[in-house]
Every structure is written in C-alpha cells, then in structure tokens.
Amino acid sequence: MLILGYKAIRIGFSLLGLLFLLFVVGGFLLWLTPFGLPLLLLLCLAYGWLIYAFFHYRYGRQFEVVRLLIAAADANLPLAPALRSYLEDRPETGWRKFWVIFLLFIALPGYYWVWHRRYGFDVRTKQLVHLLEQGTPLHQALEAVPGIVPSEVILGAAIGESTGRLGDCLRRSIRGNWGPLWLDVIPRFLYPLSLLFFVLSLASFTSIYIFPRMKRIFQEFHQTLPTISLWVDEVISRSPSLLGIATILGSIFFVLYLASPALRWWTPILGRVYRLSVQSRITGMLGMLLEAGRTVPESLELIAAREEPGALVWRRLQSARRRTEQGQSLSDSLDQVGLLPRAAVPLIQSAGRAGNLQWMLGELGEQLAARALQLSQRLSLIFFPISVVAIGLIVAAVALGLFMPLITLLGELSG
C-alpha cells in the first residue's frame, strides 16, 4: 500500500501541471507553425532551468536562515531581532520590486500576484519573526511557517530548546543534508534524459517533414531509399507515440516516487540510497535525543512524530519503539525493522557497553550520510557517460539515415 504525503503530492502535481501546460503550449505552437517544435524545445529548456534555479535559490535561503539562527543561539542573542535585521538587509526598493515583477511575469504570468506576494520566502520569514516576537517557541514557529528551513532542523530546534543547547543541535541537524547533493546529482540524470527527448523530437520532425520529400525524390529517379534510411524512418515514425507514453509513465512514476516512502524504500538501486539516508537521519536524531537525556522509547516516539503518520518509516519506528519497551536492545530493534545496517549492530552494542552510545550514534549518522552521498555520486557518474554514449549512437543512426540518401543520390547522378 502506497502512503502518499500531502507535501510530496502537492509538489508532484505542480510539476505535472507545468508539464501539461508545456504540452498545451507546444501543441498550439505545432498547430500554428511547423517550426513550433524547436520553440517548444527551447521553452522546455527555459522552464527546466527556472525550476533548477528556484530550488537552488530556495536551499540557499534556507541555509542562510539556519546559519543565522545558529550564530544567534551561540551568541545568546534573541532570535527575532536577528531575523528582522536579516530581512532589513534585503530592502524592497522600487527598482528591485519592478525587476522581480517583470521577470516573474515573463516566466509565469500571474505567479507574482497569486503566489509570491503571499508565500514568498521573505513573506514567510516575516511571519516567523512575528511568531517569535509573540513568544512562540522556535520549533513551533518553524512548523507553523513551513519551507523556511529543512525539515530535519525542526526536530533539532525542539531538542535544542528543551536542553538549552540550541546552537549545537541546529548545527548537528544540518549535517548530511541532501539539498546540495540533489542540486549536484540531479542535473547529471536529467541532462541525458532531456537530450534524448530533444533528439527524438527533432527526429520526429525529420520523419514528418524531410523523409516524405526524400521518398518522392527517389521515386522520381526510380530509386529506393537505402536500407538504413528506411529502418530509421520506420523507427522514428513510431517515436512520437512511444515518447508520449514514456513521458506520461515517467511523470506518474516521478510523482509516486516523491509521494510514497514505500516506493522510495523498495525501488531497486535508488532504494539503497534512500534507506541509507533514512538510517543516517534516524541514528543522528537518536544521538541528539539520548544526549539530551531522553529515553530510547521516548526518542523513537519523538522521531516518529516528525514522519508522515502511517507511512513506512513511521510504522518501522513505532515497531522499534514497541520492541525496546518489551526489553530488546536498541541495536536489535532497529536492525529487525531495517533502520540500522546489519554491519553496524556490533558497533552499537559495543558502544552501549562502553557508555558512549550517544556519541557513536551521532558518528554513525554522519558516516551513513557520507555513504549515501558517495553512492549517489557514483551512480550519477556511471549513468551520465553511458547515457551520453547511447544518445550519441542514436544521433549517429539518425544522421546516417538522413544523409545516406543524399550520398546515394549524388553517387547515382555523378555515375
């Protein structure tokens, strides 16, 4: 059973909506002019760059706020005035506002008035400052204004406020964060896929507008097209339907992958990366909570409260909590529910006997995060050159199919 998170569903369907909008605009361009396909490809490229720039900007702003909170906590300064000073350092001048409205209108008409003015990052930061000035605890204010910081920082804030070590807990909560990794790795996966989409689209354009004319020319000379050209034309003629089906299925899988922790957990290859990231997050949080004096069952309950109720990770955390309440050791409980690597069980058991379990859990969390990052980078480095070579072979086949008739025709005429 797939448990779908509301936030992931919203992101996924937003991307599907943008994809649908591109197809509608692209269909209009294709109907309007035969040169609509290149315009559609340029439009897809532009919006892809905008999405990447948006997430890059969002992660940058989030880490600015987290580092500001860490600095204020380390210096024992009030958080609300520090955040207000941060906002005042970004003045809303007339020209800056004009360029923001102008550029957002070009990118997505209506976005500024419908979304940006209500839910922009600076607007949400002002809401956070207002809540802090009213005396709301930091972790509750961050929960009330989502998107200001990465989700794992909220638990770090809750632990830090309860123990008086806010700066240390916030600092540890952002270790191994996946935001910068995805910004580095995802383009290596998306570039070959986008290139394949562009190549097949241009090949379809060739099949529709160029190959029929070549066939008529060869018929006038009582010749047949070369075998490779006929084969390429047959394959390309089927590519629009195959490309459409692949795009729809890929988009559905992408939305489900974002929305379902169970699918992310069991997906081959990528599931290994997700499991390592979950294990690193849970062990790191356990280290912080145990260091703050919480019991093991209480710590597992607090971590489960940050997960989607009913989701795979939530159910496994609840199962581990029940096992520890029944007297099982922490290492065995986490191992039996898949939240701890089998090789780390003896390490955790030895740390428990030595009395440094909290420190070992924190170190293990960082090591697992590093392994997940390394595995993701290796997968991207393997996938990228193989996919580029495969796409190069496709381009070579299309080029041969396109130019072999010209070479054959010139040879016949010169002979």
Protein backbone atom coordinates (compact mmCIF):
# COMPACT_ATOMS: atom_id res chain seq x y z
CA MET A 1 0.00 0.00 0.00
CA LEU A 2 1.36 3.39 -1.01
CA ILE A 3 1.16 6.04 1.70
CA LEU A 4 1.17 9.43 -0.01
CA GLY A 5 2.45 12.53 1.74
CA TYR A 6 0.47 15.72 1.18
CA LYS A 7 3.56 17.85 0.59
CA ALA A 8 5.04 15.40 -1.92
CA ILE A 9 1.71 15.07 -3.74
CA ARG A 10 1.45 18.86 -4.00
CA ILE A 11 4.97 19.10 -5.45
CA GLY A 12 4.37 16.23 -7.85
CA PHE A 13 1.09 17.53 -9.19
CA SER A 14 2.57 21.02 -9.53
CA LEU A 15 5.26 19.54 -11.77
CA LEU A 16 2.62 17.59 -13.71
CA GLY A 17 0.62 20.77 -14.13
CA LEU A 18 3.65 22.57 -15.51
CA LEU A 19 4.32 19.64 -17.85
CA PHE A 20 0.69 19.73 -19.04
CA LEU A 21 0.97 23.48 -19.63
CA LEU A 22 4.09 22.93 -21.74
CA PHE A 23 2.31 20.29 -23.83
CA VAL A 24 -0.69 22.57 -24.38
CA VAL A 25 1.54 25.47 -25.43
CA GLY A 26 3.65 23.10 -27.52
CA GLY A 27 0.58 21.70 -29.27
CA PHE A 28 -0.57 25.22 -30.09
CA LEU A 29 2.88 26.08 -31.46
CA LEU A 30 2.95 22.93 -33.59
CA TRP A 31 -0.51 23.74 -34.95
CA LEU A 32 0.47 27.34 -35.61
CA THR A 33 3.74 26.73 -37.46
CA PRO A 34 5.98 23.81 -38.49
CA PHE A 35 8.75 25.49 -36.52
CA GLY A 36 6.77 25.12 -33.30
CA LEU A 37 8.82 22.08 -32.24
CA PRO A 38 12.11 24.00 -31.85
CA LEU A 39 10.20 26.68 -29.95
CA LEU A 40 8.73 24.01 -27.67
CA LEU A 41 12.19 22.56 -27.03
CA LEU A 42 13.52 26.00 -26.13
CA LEU A 43 10.53 26.53 -23.85
CA CYS A 44 11.18 23.21 -22.06
CA LEU A 45 14.84 24.12 -21.68
CA ALA A 46 13.98 27.54 -20.24
CA TYR A 47 11.47 26.19 -17.72
CA GLY A 48 13.85 23.40 -16.71
CA TRP A 49 16.49 26.00 -15.95
CA LEU A 50 13.94 28.07 -13.99
CA ILE A 51 12.95 25.08 -11.84
CA TYR A 52 16.59 24.27 -11.11
CA ALA A 53 17.32 27.92 -10.28
CA PHE A 54 14.27 28.05 -7.98
CA PHE A 55 15.39 25.05 -5.90
CA HIS A 56 18.97 26.33 -5.83
CA TYR A 57 17.71 29.71 -4.55
CA ARG A 58 15.40 28.03 -2.02
CA TYR A 59 18.12 25.87 -0.49
CA GLY A 60 20.48 28.84 -0.37
CA ARG A 61 17.95 30.97 1.52
CA GLN A 62 17.11 28.13 3.91
CA PHE A 63 20.73 27.63 4.89
CA GLU A 64 21.16 31.38 5.33
CA VAL A 65 18.37 31.34 7.91
CA VAL A 66 19.74 28.23 9.66
CA ARG A 67 23.25 29.68 9.92
CA LEU A 68 21.79 32.94 11.25
CA LEU A 69 19.85 31.03 13.92
CA ILE A 70 22.99 29.09 14.87
CA ALA A 71 25.04 32.28 15.17
CA ALA A 72 22.35 33.99 17.27
CA ALA A 73 21.99 30.94 19.55
CA ASP A 74 25.76 30.63 20.04
CA ALA A 75 25.96 34.33 20.96
CA ASN A 76 22.88 34.10 23.27
CA LEU A 77 21.09 36.75 21.20
CA PRO A 78 17.30 36.97 20.73
CA LEU A 79 16.26 35.20 17.54
CA ALA A 80 13.50 37.58 16.39
CA PRO A 81 15.69 40.75 16.21
CA ALA A 82 18.39 38.79 14.38
CA LEU A 83 15.91 37.61 11.76
CA ARG A 84 14.41 41.10 11.45
CA SER A 85 17.89 42.52 10.81
CA TYR A 86 18.33 39.83 8.15
CA LEU A 87 15.14 40.99 6.44
CA GLU A 88 16.07 44.67 6.68
CA ASP A 89 19.33 43.85 4.94
CA ARG A 90 17.22 42.98 1.87
CA PRO A 91 15.37 46.26 1.24
CA GLU A 92 12.38 46.28 -1.11
CA THR A 93 13.48 49.14 -3.35
CA GLY A 94 11.32 50.25 -6.24
CA TRP A 95 13.65 49.01 -8.96
CA ARG A 96 14.19 45.64 -7.27
CA LYS A 97 10.44 45.13 -6.95
CA PHE A 98 9.96 46.14 -10.59
CA TRP A 99 12.51 43.61 -11.84
CA VAL A 100 11.03 40.86 -9.65
CA ILE A 101 7.54 41.51 -11.03
CA PHE A 102 8.82 41.80 -14.61
CA LEU A 103 10.92 38.62 -14.57
CA LEU A 104 8.29 36.56 -12.78
CA PHE A 105 5.66 37.78 -15.24
CA ILE A 106 7.80 36.62 -18.16
CA ALA A 107 8.48 33.26 -16.50
CA LEU A 108 4.93 32.55 -15.32
CA PRO A 109 2.26 35.25 -15.75
CA GLY A 110 0.25 35.80 -12.59
CA TYR A 111 2.71 33.98 -10.31
CA TYR A 112 3.79 37.17 -8.53
CA TRP A 113 0.25 38.25 -7.55
CA VAL A 114 -1.19 34.78 -6.90
CA TRP A 115 1.71 33.16 -5.02
CA HIS A 116 4.85 35.24 -4.49
CA ARG A 117 3.19 38.13 -2.61
CA ARG A 118 1.51 35.69 -0.20
CA TYR A 119 4.01 32.85 0.14
CA GLY A 120 7.38 34.24 -0.92
CA PHE A 121 10.40 33.45 1.25
CA ASP A 122 10.66 36.96 2.70
CA VAL A 123 6.92 36.95 3.50
CA ARG A 124 7.26 33.65 5.35
CA THR A 125 10.32 34.92 7.19
CA LYS A 126 8.30 37.93 8.37
CA GLN A 127 5.62 35.53 9.63
CA LEU A 128 8.32 33.60 11.51
CA VAL A 129 9.61 36.82 13.11
CA HIS A 130 6.07 37.77 14.13
CA LEU A 131 5.52 34.39 15.81
CA LEU A 132 8.85 34.58 17.65
CA GLU A 133 8.06 38.10 18.88
CA GLN A 134 4.79 36.78 20.31
CA GLY A 135 6.74 34.23 22.36
CA THR A 136 6.15 31.13 20.24
CA PRO A 137 8.92 28.52 20.68
CA LEU A 138 11.23 28.25 17.70
CA HIS A 139 10.27 24.70 16.68
CA GLN A 140 6.55 25.53 16.82
CA ALA A 141 7.10 28.70 14.78
CA LEU A 142 9.07 26.74 12.18
CA GLU A 143 6.28 24.16 11.98
CA ALA A 144 3.69 26.92 11.53
CA VAL A 145 5.68 28.50 8.68
CA PRO A 146 6.89 25.59 6.51
CA GLY A 147 9.66 25.97 3.96
CA ILE A 148 11.85 28.36 5.96
CA VAL A 149 14.33 25.65 6.98
CA PRO A 150 14.89 21.98 6.03
CA SER A 151 12.50 19.65 7.85
CA GLU A 152 15.20 17.95 9.96
CA VAL A 153 16.10 21.32 11.52
CA ILE A 154 12.70 21.50 13.27
CA LEU A 155 13.45 18.47 15.45
CA GLY A 156 16.91 19.88 16.17
CA ALA A 157 15.27 23.12 17.30
CA ALA A 158 12.85 21.24 19.58
CA ILE A 159 15.68 19.27 21.19
CA GLY A 160 17.91 22.32 21.50
CA GLU A 161 15.25 24.42 23.20
CA SER A 162 14.46 21.66 25.71
CA THR A 163 18.13 21.12 26.59
CA GLY A 164 19.49 24.66 26.33
CA ARG A 165 21.90 23.65 23.53
CA LEU A 166 20.08 25.19 20.59
CA GLY A 167 23.17 26.10 18.57
CA ASP A 168 24.76 22.65 18.82
CA CYS A 169 21.52 20.85 17.97
CA LEU A 170 20.83 23.08 14.96
CA ARG A 171 24.39 22.58 13.76
CA ARG A 172 24.14 18.81 14.00
CA SER A 173 20.71 18.73 12.35
CA ILE A 174 22.01 20.13 9.05
CA ARG A 175 24.93 17.74 8.73
CA GLY A 176 24.49 15.45 5.76
CA ASN A 177 21.61 17.49 4.35
CA TRP A 178 20.62 16.30 0.89
CA GLY A 179 19.79 19.65 -0.66
CA PRO A 180 23.24 20.46 -2.11
CA LEU A 181 23.63 16.83 -3.21
CA TRP A 182 20.47 16.84 -5.30
CA LEU A 183 21.44 20.13 -6.88
CA ASP A 184 24.70 18.48 -7.94
CA VAL A 185 23.48 15.00 -8.89
CA ILE A 186 20.04 15.52 -10.44
CA PRO A 187 21.34 17.52 -13.46
CA ARG A 188 23.54 14.53 -14.34
CA PHE A 189 20.41 12.40 -14.58
CA LEU A 190 18.14 14.98 -16.19
CA TYR A 191 20.58 16.21 -18.85
CA PRO A 192 20.78 12.89 -20.77
CA LEU A 193 17.01 12.38 -20.46
CA SER A 194 16.35 15.90 -21.73
CA LEU A 195 18.87 15.41 -24.53
CA LEU A 196 17.14 12.15 -25.51
CA PHE A 197 13.79 13.95 -25.54
CA PHE A 198 15.20 16.70 -27.77
CA VAL A 199 16.87 14.21 -30.15
CA LEU A 200 13.71 12.13 -30.55
CA SER A 201 11.63 15.27 -31.03
CA LEU A 202 13.94 16.54 -33.77
CA ALA A 203 13.99 13.07 -35.30
CA SER A 204 10.18 13.11 -35.38
CA PHE A 205 10.34 16.49 -37.10
CA THR A 206 12.69 14.93 -39.66
CA SER A 207 10.35 11.98 -40.20
CA ILE A 208 7.34 14.24 -40.75
CA TYR A 209 8.84 16.97 -42.96
CA ILE A 210 12.03 15.62 -44.57
CA PHE A 211 11.75 11.87 -45.20
CA PRO A 212 8.49 12.13 -47.23
CA ARG A 213 10.17 14.60 -49.59
CA MET A 214 13.19 12.30 -49.92
CA LYS A 215 10.91 9.40 -50.80
CA ARG A 216 9.23 11.42 -53.57
CA ILE A 217 12.61 12.47 -54.98
CA PHE A 218 13.84 8.86 -55.08
CA GLN A 219 10.58 7.72 -56.67
CA GLU A 220 11.06 10.27 -59.44
CA PHE A 221 14.51 8.76 -60.09
CA HIS A 222 13.07 5.21 -59.81
CA GLN A 223 15.29 4.51 -56.83
CA THR A 224 14.63 3.19 -53.33
CA LEU A 225 15.92 4.68 -50.15
CA PRO A 226 18.93 2.97 -48.52
CA THR A 227 18.09 0.24 -46.02
CA ILE A 228 19.34 2.21 -43.03
CA SER A 229 17.20 5.19 -44.04
CA LEU A 230 14.08 3.02 -44.30
CA TRP A 231 14.86 1.48 -40.91
CA VAL A 232 15.43 4.89 -39.28
CA ASP A 233 12.23 6.24 -40.82
CA GLU A 234 10.23 3.27 -39.52
CA VAL A 235 11.65 3.63 -36.01
CA ILE A 236 11.22 7.40 -35.94
CA SER A 237 7.63 7.20 -37.18
CA ARG A 238 6.78 5.30 -34.00
CA SER A 239 8.76 7.59 -31.70
CA PRO A 240 6.04 10.25 -31.07
CA SER A 241 3.64 7.72 -29.53
CA LEU A 242 6.46 5.97 -27.67
CA LEU A 243 7.80 9.31 -26.47
CA GLY A 244 4.37 10.38 -25.26
CA ILE A 245 3.77 7.10 -23.43
CA ALA A 246 7.25 7.19 -21.88
CA THR A 247 6.76 10.81 -20.77
CA ILE A 248 3.39 10.05 -19.14
CA LEU A 249 4.64 6.90 -17.41
CA GLY A 250 7.84 8.63 -16.29
CA SER A 251 5.87 11.57 -14.89
CA ILE A 252 3.50 9.26 -13.00
CA PHE A 253 6.42 7.28 -11.57
CA PHE A 254 8.16 10.51 -10.55
CA VAL A 255 5.07 11.76 -8.70
CA LEU A 256 4.58 8.41 -6.96
CA TYR A 257 8.28 8.28 -6.10
CA LEU A 258 8.05 11.69 -4.45
CA ALA A 259 4.79 10.89 -2.69
CA SER A 260 5.36 7.34 -1.47
CA PRO A 261 8.11 6.49 1.06
CA ALA A 262 7.35 2.79 0.44
CA LEU A 263 8.15 3.14 -3.26
CA ARG A 264 11.34 5.04 -2.46
CA TRP A 265 12.32 2.33 0.04
CA TRP A 266 11.84 -0.63 -2.34
CA THR A 267 12.94 0.89 -5.67
CA PRO A 268 15.98 -1.03 -6.99
CA ILE A 269 19.33 0.81 -6.74
CA LEU A 270 17.78 4.16 -5.72
CA GLY A 271 16.15 2.45 -2.75
CA ARG A 272 19.59 1.73 -1.33
CA VAL A 273 20.37 5.45 -1.31
CA TYR A 274 17.04 6.28 0.32
CA ARG A 275 17.47 3.62 3.01
CA LEU A 276 20.92 4.93 3.87
CA SER A 277 19.58 8.48 4.12
CA VAL A 278 16.74 7.38 6.44
CA GLN A 279 19.12 5.36 8.60
CA SER A 280 21.56 8.28 8.85
CA ARG A 281 18.79 10.71 9.83
CA ILE A 282 17.34 8.40 12.48
CA THR A 283 20.67 7.47 14.07
CA GLY A 284 21.75 11.13 14.14
CA MET A 285 18.49 12.21 15.78
CA LEU A 286 18.73 9.35 18.29
CA GLY A 287 22.21 10.52 19.24
CA MET A 288 20.95 14.05 19.90
CA LEU A 289 17.91 12.90 21.89
CA LEU A 290 19.83 10.41 24.04
CA GLU A 291 22.49 13.03 24.68
CA ALA A 292 19.69 15.34 25.86
CA GLY A 293 18.67 12.75 28.46
CA ARG A 294 15.64 11.24 26.70
CA THR A 295 14.93 7.51 26.97
CA VAL A 296 15.15 5.25 23.91
CA PRO A 297 11.36 4.66 23.55
CA GLU A 298 10.67 8.37 24.07
CA SER A 299 13.30 9.27 21.48
CA LEU A 300 11.84 6.88 18.90
CA GLU A 301 8.37 8.31 19.56
CA LEU A 302 9.61 11.87 19.05
CA ILE A 303 11.32 10.94 15.78
CA ALA A 304 8.20 9.10 14.57
CA ALA A 305 6.14 12.23 15.28
CA ARG A 306 8.14 14.00 12.54
CA GLU A 307 7.25 11.37 9.94
CA GLU A 308 4.07 11.05 7.89
CA PRO A 309 1.55 9.08 10.05
CA GLY A 310 1.01 5.62 8.58
CA ALA A 311 3.99 5.83 6.24
CA LEU A 312 6.63 3.12 6.02
CA VAL A 313 9.27 4.84 8.16
CA TRP A 314 6.64 5.81 10.77
CA ARG A 315 5.46 2.21 11.07
CA ARG A 316 9.01 0.92 11.43
CA LEU A 317 9.82 3.48 14.11
CA GLN A 318 6.70 2.53 16.05
CA SER A 319 7.63 -1.14 15.75
CA ALA A 320 11.16 -0.42 17.02
CA ARG A 321 9.71 1.57 19.93
CA ARG A 322 7.46 -1.31 20.95
CA ARG A 323 10.38 -3.74 20.78
CA THR A 324 12.52 -1.55 23.04
CA GLU A 325 9.64 -1.23 25.51
CA GLN A 326 9.49 -5.03 25.60
CA GLY A 327 13.14 -5.21 26.60
CA GLN A 328 15.01 -5.63 23.31
CA SER A 329 18.21 -3.70 22.81
CA LEU A 330 18.21 -0.61 20.62
CA SER A 331 20.56 -2.15 18.05
CA ASP A 332 18.49 -5.34 17.65
CA SER A 333 15.22 -3.39 17.45
CA LEU A 334 16.48 -1.05 14.73
CA ASP A 335 18.11 -3.92 12.84
CA GLN A 336 14.94 -6.03 12.79
CA VAL A 337 12.88 -3.21 11.29
CA GLY A 338 15.55 -2.22 8.75
CA LEU A 339 16.51 1.11 10.30
CA LEU A 340 20.10 0.11 11.10
CA PRO A 341 22.64 -1.57 8.78
CA ARG A 342 23.44 -5.14 9.84
CA ALA A 343 27.16 -4.36 9.94
CA ALA A 344 26.59 -1.55 12.48
CA VAL A 345 24.83 -3.75 15.07
CA PRO A 346 28.03 -4.96 16.83
CA LEU A 347 29.34 -1.39 16.81
CA ILE A 348 26.24 -0.04 18.57
CA GLN A 349 26.27 -2.91 21.06
CA SER A 350 29.91 -2.23 21.94
CA ALA A 351 29.21 1.50 22.30
CA GLY A 352 26.31 0.75 24.65
CA ARG A 353 28.50 -1.38 26.87
CA ALA A 354 31.25 1.27 26.85
CA GLY A 355 28.82 4.06 27.79
CA ASN A 356 29.33 6.24 24.69
CA LEU A 357 26.19 5.24 22.75
CA GLN A 358 25.12 8.84 22.10
CA TRP A 359 28.44 9.79 20.53
CA MET A 360 28.55 6.61 18.43
CA LEU A 361 25.03 7.14 17.08
CA GLY A 362 25.93 10.68 16.02
CA GLU A 363 29.12 9.49 14.30
CA LEU A 364 27.26 6.61 12.64
CA GLY A 365 24.66 9.04 11.31
CA GLU A 366 27.36 11.14 9.68
CA GLN A 367 29.06 8.04 8.23
CA LEU A 368 25.81 6.72 6.76
CA ALA A 369 25.04 10.13 5.27
CA ALA A 370 28.52 10.20 3.71
CA ARG A 371 27.97 6.71 2.27
CA ALA A 372 24.64 7.75 0.79
CA LEU A 373 26.20 10.84 -0.77
CA GLN A 374 29.08 8.80 -2.17
CA LEU A 375 26.74 6.15 -3.61
CA SER A 376 24.57 8.81 -5.26
CA GLN A 377 27.58 10.47 -6.83
CA ARG A 378 28.90 7.13 -8.10
CA LEU A 379 25.55 6.24 -9.64
CA SER A 380 25.37 9.60 -11.38
CA LEU A 381 28.95 9.30 -12.64
CA ILE A 382 28.19 5.83 -14.03
CA PHE A 383 24.84 6.77 -15.56
CA PHE A 384 25.99 10.00 -17.20
CA PRO A 385 28.71 8.72 -19.62
CA ILE A 386 26.76 5.56 -20.52
CA SER A 387 23.65 7.57 -21.35
CA VAL A 388 25.63 10.14 -23.35
CA VAL A 389 27.26 7.37 -25.42
CA ALA A 390 23.87 5.73 -26.02
CA ILE A 391 22.35 9.02 -27.13
CA GLY A 392 25.38 9.59 -29.37
CA LEU A 393 24.66 6.27 -31.10
CA ILE A 394 21.05 7.34 -31.65
CA VAL A 395 22.21 10.64 -33.14
CA ALA A 396 24.67 8.78 -35.39
CA ALA A 397 21.92 6.44 -36.64
CA VAL A 398 19.60 9.38 -37.39
CA ALA A 399 22.41 11.25 -39.17
CA LEU A 400 23.24 8.20 -41.31
CA GLY A 401 19.59 7.68 -42.15
CA LEU A 402 19.29 11.34 -43.14
CA PHE A 403 22.49 11.73 -45.17
CA MET A 404 22.81 8.30 -46.80
CA PRO A 405 20.03 9.11 -49.32
CA LEU A 406 21.88 12.29 -50.32
CA ILE A 407 25.15 10.40 -50.73
CA THR A 408 23.43 7.65 -52.73
CA LEU A 409 21.62 10.16 -54.95
CA LEU A 410 24.79 12.14 -55.63
CA GLY A 411 26.59 8.91 -56.50
CA GLU A 412 23.88 7.94 -58.98
CA LEU A 413 23.88 11.37 -60.59
CA SER A 414 27.66 11.53 -60.90
CA GLY A 415 27.77 7.98 -62.34
